Protein backbone atom coordinates (compact mmCIF):
# COMPACT_ATOMS: atom_id res chain seq x y z
CA MET A 1 -69.25 49.02 37.55
CA LYS A 2 -71.47 50.22 34.73
CA ARG A 3 -69.18 48.34 32.30
CA TYR A 4 -69.77 45.02 34.16
CA TRP A 5 -73.43 45.73 34.20
CA LEU A 6 -73.51 46.03 30.42
CA ILE A 7 -71.53 42.91 29.99
CA SER A 8 -73.97 40.99 32.26
CA LEU A 9 -76.91 42.35 30.31
CA LEU A 10 -75.30 41.30 26.98
CA ILE A 11 -74.77 37.75 28.32
CA VAL A 12 -78.47 37.51 29.42
CA LEU A 13 -79.63 38.62 26.02
CA ILE A 14 -77.25 36.40 24.02
CA VAL A 15 -77.95 33.12 25.83
CA PRO A 16 -81.63 33.04 24.87
CA LEU A 17 -80.73 34.16 21.38
CA ALA A 18 -78.26 31.35 21.12
CA LYS A 19 -80.99 28.89 22.15
CA ALA A 20 -83.48 30.38 19.63
CA GLN A 21 -81.01 30.08 16.83
CA LYS A 22 -80.47 26.36 17.24
CA PRO A 23 -80.37 25.00 13.67
CA SER A 24 -83.35 22.99 12.57
CA TYR A 25 -83.07 19.71 10.81
CA ALA A 26 -83.65 19.24 7.08
CA PHE A 27 -84.82 15.72 7.06
CA ARG A 28 -85.59 12.75 9.29
CA VAL A 29 -85.01 9.13 8.27
CA LEU A 30 -88.37 7.62 7.24
CA ALA A 31 -87.30 4.16 6.29
CA SER A 32 -84.11 2.20 5.62
CA SER A 33 -83.13 -1.15 4.26
CA GLY A 34 -79.45 -2.11 3.99
CA LYS A 35 -76.57 -0.09 5.37
CA SER A 36 -76.61 3.78 5.26
CA THR A 37 -74.42 5.87 7.46
CA PHE A 38 -73.00 9.38 7.91
CA SER A 39 -69.97 9.81 5.47
CA GLY A 40 -66.84 8.58 7.17
CA GLU A 41 -68.67 6.72 9.95
CA LYS A 42 -69.76 3.10 10.61
CA LYS A 43 -72.87 3.78 12.66
CA GLN A 44 -76.04 3.16 10.71
CA LEU A 45 -78.70 5.80 10.28
CA TYR A 46 -81.80 4.77 12.21
CA VAL A 47 -85.48 5.66 11.70
CA GLY A 48 -86.46 8.96 13.06
CA GLN A 49 -82.89 10.34 13.09
CA ARG A 50 -82.44 13.98 12.25
CA LEU A 51 -80.32 15.08 9.38
CA TYR A 52 -78.96 18.61 9.10
CA SER A 53 -77.89 20.61 6.04
CA ASN A 54 -74.13 20.55 6.89
CA GLN A 55 -74.06 16.67 6.98
CA LYS A 56 -73.34 14.05 4.23
CA ILE A 57 -74.63 10.51 4.13
CA LYS A 58 -73.46 7.40 2.47
CA VAL A 59 -75.77 4.86 1.00
CA GLY A 60 -74.40 1.34 0.42
CA ASN A 61 -75.06 -1.18 -2.31
CA ARG A 62 -78.53 -2.78 -2.62
CA CYS A 63 -79.88 -0.20 -0.15
CA TYR A 64 -83.10 1.72 0.17
CA LEU A 65 -83.18 4.95 2.15
CA SER A 66 -86.27 7.20 2.46
CA LEU A 67 -86.13 10.67 4.00
CA VAL A 68 -88.96 13.00 4.97
CA SER A 69 -88.57 16.80 4.87
CA ARG A 70 -89.81 18.98 7.63
CA LYS A 71 -92.08 20.56 5.00
CA GLY A 72 -93.58 17.20 4.06
CA GLY A 73 -91.74 16.08 0.93
CA THR A 74 -89.79 12.95 0.62
CA VAL A 75 -86.42 11.78 -0.90
CA GLN A 76 -86.16 8.10 -1.90
CA ILE A 77 -82.71 6.83 -2.66
CA SER A 78 -81.83 3.34 -4.04
CA ARG A 79 -78.54 4.14 -5.69
CA ALA A 80 -75.30 3.68 -3.82
CA GLY A 81 -73.25 6.81 -3.24
CA GLU A 82 -72.47 9.80 -1.01
CA TYR A 83 -75.06 12.50 -0.78
CA SER A 84 -75.10 15.95 0.71
CA ILE A 85 -78.17 16.80 2.79
CA LYS A 86 -78.05 20.42 1.59
CA ASP A 87 -78.15 19.20 -2.03
CA LEU A 88 -80.95 16.84 -1.44
CA ASN A 89 -82.98 19.58 0.32
CA GLU A 90 -82.41 21.90 -2.70
CA LYS A 91 -83.30 19.28 -5.28
CA LEU A 92 -86.50 18.36 -3.37
CA ALA A 93 -87.43 22.09 -3.15
CA SER A 94 -87.05 22.43 -6.87
CA THR A 95 -89.16 19.38 -7.70
CA LYS A 96 -92.41 20.33 -9.30
CA THR A 97 -95.61 19.15 -7.73
CA THR A 98 -99.08 18.80 -9.34
CA ALA A 99 -102.36 19.71 -7.89
CA THR A 100 -102.90 16.11 -6.93
CA GLN A 101 -99.49 15.68 -5.38
CA ARG A 102 -99.28 18.07 -2.47
CA TYR A 103 -95.83 16.86 -1.26
CA ALA A 104 -92.98 16.51 -3.72
CA THR A 105 -90.98 13.31 -3.99
CA TYR A 106 -87.36 13.33 -5.27
CA VAL A 107 -86.18 9.89 -6.41
CA ILE A 108 -82.56 8.81 -6.95
CA SER A 109 -82.43 5.28 -8.42
CA GLU A 110 -80.31 3.05 -10.59
CA LEU A 111 -80.31 3.94 -14.36
CA THR A 112 -81.69 0.69 -15.71
CA LYS A 113 -85.39 -0.19 -15.15
CA ALA A 114 -84.58 -3.81 -14.21
CA ARG A 115 -82.33 -2.52 -11.42
CA VAL A 116 -84.92 -0.15 -10.18
CA ARG A 117 -87.55 -2.85 -10.06
CA ASN A 118 -85.07 -5.18 -8.19
CA ILE A 119 -84.28 -2.40 -5.62
CA ASN A 120 -87.94 -1.58 -5.14
CA ARG A 121 -88.78 -5.23 -4.53
CA ASN A 122 -85.90 -5.47 -2.04
CA ARG A 123 -86.86 -2.47 0.12
CA TYR A 124 -87.99 -4.99 2.80
CA LYS A 125 -85.51 -7.70 2.12
CA TYR A 126 -82.51 -6.23 4.00
CA MET A 127 -84.34 -5.39 7.23
CA ASN A 128 -82.31 -7.87 9.02
CA VAL A 129 -79.41 -5.55 9.03
CA THR A 130 -81.24 -2.49 10.15
CA GLY A 131 -82.20 -3.65 13.54
CA SER A 132 -85.51 -5.36 12.77
CA VAL A 133 -86.69 -7.71 15.50
CA LYS A 134 -86.30 -11.47 14.88
CA ARG A 135 -89.07 -13.35 16.65
CA ALA A 136 -90.55 -16.75 16.76
CA SER A 137 -93.51 -17.12 14.49
CA SER A 138 -97.12 -17.52 15.47
CA ASN A 139 -100.35 -17.72 13.46
CA PHE A 140 -101.89 -15.12 15.91
CA LYS A 141 -101.45 -11.53 14.71
CA LEU A 142 -101.94 -8.73 17.12
CA ASN A 143 -101.39 -5.00 16.77
CA LEU A 144 -98.78 -5.19 19.51
CA ALA A 145 -95.17 -6.03 19.63
CA PRO A 146 -94.72 -9.57 21.11
CA GLN A 147 -92.44 -11.43 23.50
CA ASN A 148 -89.50 -9.43 24.82
CA ALA A 149 -90.80 -6.09 23.52
CA VAL A 150 -92.53 -3.87 26.05
CA ASN A 151 -95.90 -2.24 25.11
CA LYS A 152 -96.41 0.87 27.15
CA PHE A 153 -99.79 2.67 27.30
CA LEU A 154 -100.47 6.29 28.13
CA ARG A 155 -104.03 5.34 29.02
CA GLU A 156 -105.44 3.26 31.86
CA SER A 157 -107.84 1.19 29.67
CA VAL A 158 -106.36 -0.91 26.85
CA GLU A 159 -108.27 -2.78 24.09
CA VAL A 160 -106.22 -5.57 22.56
CA ARG A 161 -107.36 -6.90 19.28
CA TRP A 162 -106.24 -9.81 17.13
CA PHE A 163 -107.00 -11.26 13.69
CA ALA A 164 -109.50 -14.11 13.70
CA LEU A 165 -107.70 -17.50 13.53
CA LYS A 166 -109.10 -19.86 10.80
CA GLY A 167 -111.14 -22.67 12.31
CA THR A 168 -111.54 -21.05 15.71
CA GLN A 169 -114.61 -20.04 17.40
CA THR A 170 -113.45 -19.74 20.92
CA TYR A 171 -110.28 -18.44 22.27
CA LYS A 172 -108.62 -19.23 25.67
CA VAL A 173 -107.13 -16.04 27.11
CA VAL A 174 -104.65 -16.00 30.03
CA VAL A 175 -103.35 -12.87 31.69
CA THR A 176 -100.61 -12.95 34.31
CA ASN A 177 -98.64 -10.35 36.21
CA GLU A 178 -94.93 -9.76 35.98
CA PHE A 179 -94.41 -12.46 38.60
CA ASP A 180 -96.29 -14.99 36.52
CA GLU A 181 -99.25 -14.92 38.95
CA LYS A 182 -102.51 -15.63 37.06
CA LEU A 183 -104.89 -12.58 37.00
CA LEU A 184 -107.35 -13.91 34.41
CA SER A 185 -108.20 -17.04 32.58
CA LYS A 186 -111.37 -17.16 30.45
CA GLU A 187 -112.84 -18.43 27.16
CA ILE A 188 -114.23 -15.83 24.69
CA LYS A 189 -115.74 -15.84 21.33
CA ASP A 190 -114.65 -12.26 20.45
CA THR A 191 -111.26 -11.25 19.01
CA ALA A 192 -110.75 -8.42 21.54
CA LEU A 193 -109.95 -8.03 25.16
CA VAL A 194 -110.15 -4.89 27.31
CA ILE A 195 -107.69 -4.52 30.09
CA ASP A 196 -108.42 -1.75 32.47
CA PHE A 197 -105.66 -1.08 34.95
CA ASN A 198 -108.26 0.80 37.18
CA LYS A 199 -110.42 -2.25 37.64
CA PRO A 200 -109.98 -5.83 39.12
CA PRO A 201 -108.19 -8.11 38.43
CA TYR A 202 -105.66 -5.65 36.92
CA LYS A 203 -106.02 -2.78 39.43
CA GLY A 204 -102.71 -2.07 41.13
CA GLN A 205 -100.67 -3.94 38.52
CA GLY A 206 -97.97 -2.14 36.67
CA MET A 207 -97.54 -4.82 34.03
CA CYS A 208 -99.60 -7.60 32.52
CA VAL A 209 -98.55 -10.39 30.23
CA LEU A 210 -101.16 -11.73 27.68
CA LYS A 211 -101.32 -15.05 25.87
CA ILE A 212 -104.08 -16.42 23.69
CA ALA A 213 -104.73 -19.90 22.44
CA SER A 214 -107.33 -21.51 20.18
CA LYS A 215 -109.76 -23.83 21.86
CA ASP A 216 -110.72 -25.47 18.56
CA VAL A 217 -107.37 -25.80 16.86
CA ALA A 218 -104.68 -27.81 18.80
CA GLY A 219 -101.23 -26.31 19.11
CA GLN A 220 -102.29 -22.80 18.10
CA ALA A 221 -101.14 -20.24 20.63
CA SER A 222 -99.99 -16.70 20.45
CA LEU A 223 -96.58 -15.30 21.56
CA LEU A 224 -96.41 -13.52 24.90
CA TYR A 225 -97.44 -9.87 24.90
CA SER A 226 -96.31 -7.48 27.72
CA LEU A 227 -98.54 -4.55 28.58
CA ILE A 228 -97.19 -1.81 30.93
CA ASN A 229 -99.35 0.94 32.47
CA ALA A 230 -97.34 4.04 31.67
CA ALA A 231 -100.06 6.57 32.39
CA GLU A 232 -98.41 7.44 35.79
CA ASN A 233 -94.86 7.19 34.54
CA LYS A 234 -93.46 10.66 35.26
CA ALA A 235 -90.42 10.21 32.84
CA ILE A 236 -92.73 9.47 29.89
CA GLN A 237 -95.12 12.25 30.94
CA LYS A 238 -92.30 14.74 31.02
CA ALA A 239 -90.89 13.50 27.70
CA PHE A 240 -94.40 13.76 26.18
CA ALA A 241 -94.89 17.28 27.60
CA ASP A 242 -91.43 18.46 26.20
CA PHE A 243 -92.24 16.92 22.84
CA LYS A 244 -95.58 18.91 22.67
CA LYS A 245 -93.71 22.09 23.56
CA GLU A 246 -91.31 21.69 20.65
CA ASN A 247 -93.61 20.23 18.06
CA THR A 248 -96.74 21.73 16.65
CA VAL A 249 -98.53 18.77 14.88
CA ALA A 250 -100.68 19.80 12.00
CA SER A 251 -103.57 17.30 11.27
CA ASP A 252 -103.22 17.80 7.53
CA ASN A 253 -99.38 17.33 7.33
CA PRO A 254 -98.15 13.70 7.36
CA ALA A 255 -94.61 14.91 8.20
CA ASP A 256 -95.85 16.42 11.33
CA ILE A 257 -97.83 13.37 12.16
CA LEU A 258 -94.67 11.23 11.80
CA GLU A 259 -93.02 13.36 14.50
CA GLU A 260 -95.52 11.86 16.85
CA ALA A 261 -95.03 8.37 15.40
CA PHE A 262 -91.21 8.67 15.99
CA PHE A 263 -91.80 9.89 19.51
CA TYR A 264 -94.03 7.08 20.46
CA GLU A 265 -91.87 4.42 18.83
CA GLU A 266 -88.76 5.67 20.65
CA ASN A 267 -90.59 5.48 23.94
CA GLU A 268 -92.01 2.05 23.33
CA LEU A 269 -95.55 3.29 23.05
CA PHE A 270 -96.22 0.94 20.07
CA ALA A 271 -100.00 1.21 20.01
CA LYS A 272 -99.79 5.01 19.77
CA ALA A 273 -96.99 4.69 17.20
CA LEU A 274 -99.13 2.33 15.11
CA GLU A 275 -101.95 4.82 15.11
CA ALA A 276 -99.63 7.64 14.10
CA TYR A 277 -98.08 5.75 11.19
CA GLN A 278 -101.44 4.67 9.90
CA LYS A 279 -102.77 8.29 10.11
CA ALA A 280 -99.71 9.76 8.37
CA LEU A 281 -100.21 7.24 5.54
CA ASN A 282 -103.86 7.99 5.29
CA VAL A 283 -103.24 11.80 5.33
CA SER A 284 -100.54 11.39 2.63
CA LYS A 285 -103.21 9.76 0.41
CA GLY A 286 -101.24 6.42 0.27
CA ASP A 287 -97.81 7.98 -0.69
CA GLU A 288 -95.37 5.15 -1.43
CA ALA A 289 -92.69 6.48 0.93
CA TYR A 290 -95.14 6.56 3.80
CA LYS A 291 -96.47 3.16 2.96
CA VAL A 292 -92.98 1.72 3.02
CA ALA A 293 -92.20 3.42 6.36
CA TYR A 294 -95.47 1.94 7.82
CA HIS A 295 -94.56 -1.58 6.59
CA HIS A 296 -91.06 -1.13 8.05
CA PHE A 297 -92.44 -0.28 11.40
CA LEU A 298 -94.54 -3.42 11.42
CA ILE A 299 -91.51 -5.43 10.42
CA ARG A 300 -89.17 -3.82 12.99
CA HIS A 301 -91.53 -4.93 15.82
CA ALA A 302 -93.12 -7.98 14.40
CA ILE A 303 -96.58 -6.41 14.62
CA GLY A 304 -99.66 -7.82 12.93
CA ASP A 305 -99.37 -9.33 9.46
CA TYR A 306 -95.73 -8.13 9.14
CA GLN A 307 -94.45 -11.39 7.44
CA LYS A 308 -96.28 -10.62 4.18
CA TYR A 309 -94.32 -7.49 3.76
CA LYS A 310 -90.96 -8.87 4.90
CA ASN A 311 -91.16 -11.89 2.47
């Protein structure tokens, strides 16, 4: 009996230890243009994906792949080939940093300067094969993902802002619910609208659809923007609580801030993701890898002035 008791005790001790010893990742995918996969596989790497030291990746021709280390450094690859994550991690760790460059950057590029310039110019060109969203164009630029994309919000009150449209003094704003029933129709001179799900006419609505048109310029109208009140969504609340338990986000570490950006993007909280990408870029002091990642985010979801980066 004593023997069985000891075995049971060992099992109780080993299980938590096994959980605690779960391997931590070395990198997450920060940005990707073209086709990059795990070695021997066809499935493409996606933004936010964790990469572990025992894995290898394959970067295709005319590709750009940017990885961010858990410690804040970045690896940028624009040369086709197979790479060991362990080797990349070691080479990044050995990269010298200066006083003005807090986070190391390890670059793997083509040998000729002409080729390097071409790859750098095309970091945005191949987004069409990495899952970027193809949408109809509109002169209205909002910091929201349009049309079929869902914009979820963790707060009850949402302020939607858009860029001023040339030649327009007054905007016609129409908000409907998910059944296409009109909730609001008004003319405003501002370039912002507050939608508060706690107040009429939005109270009790789980979803609103926004469209904006110019009163002064004929034929100028925005795409449709869906806004969903996710403040009471238990699944998202639980996911967010679990994320916070597993992640300590340091306000001075852009890699930590990106953890939030990846979480928000994966859960279609695009406004929060946008804030996190912008914050990570600012904290990194405008680091090129973070800048590309931010631009790729805008392109993926057709947000704001994304066309100027894509083209």
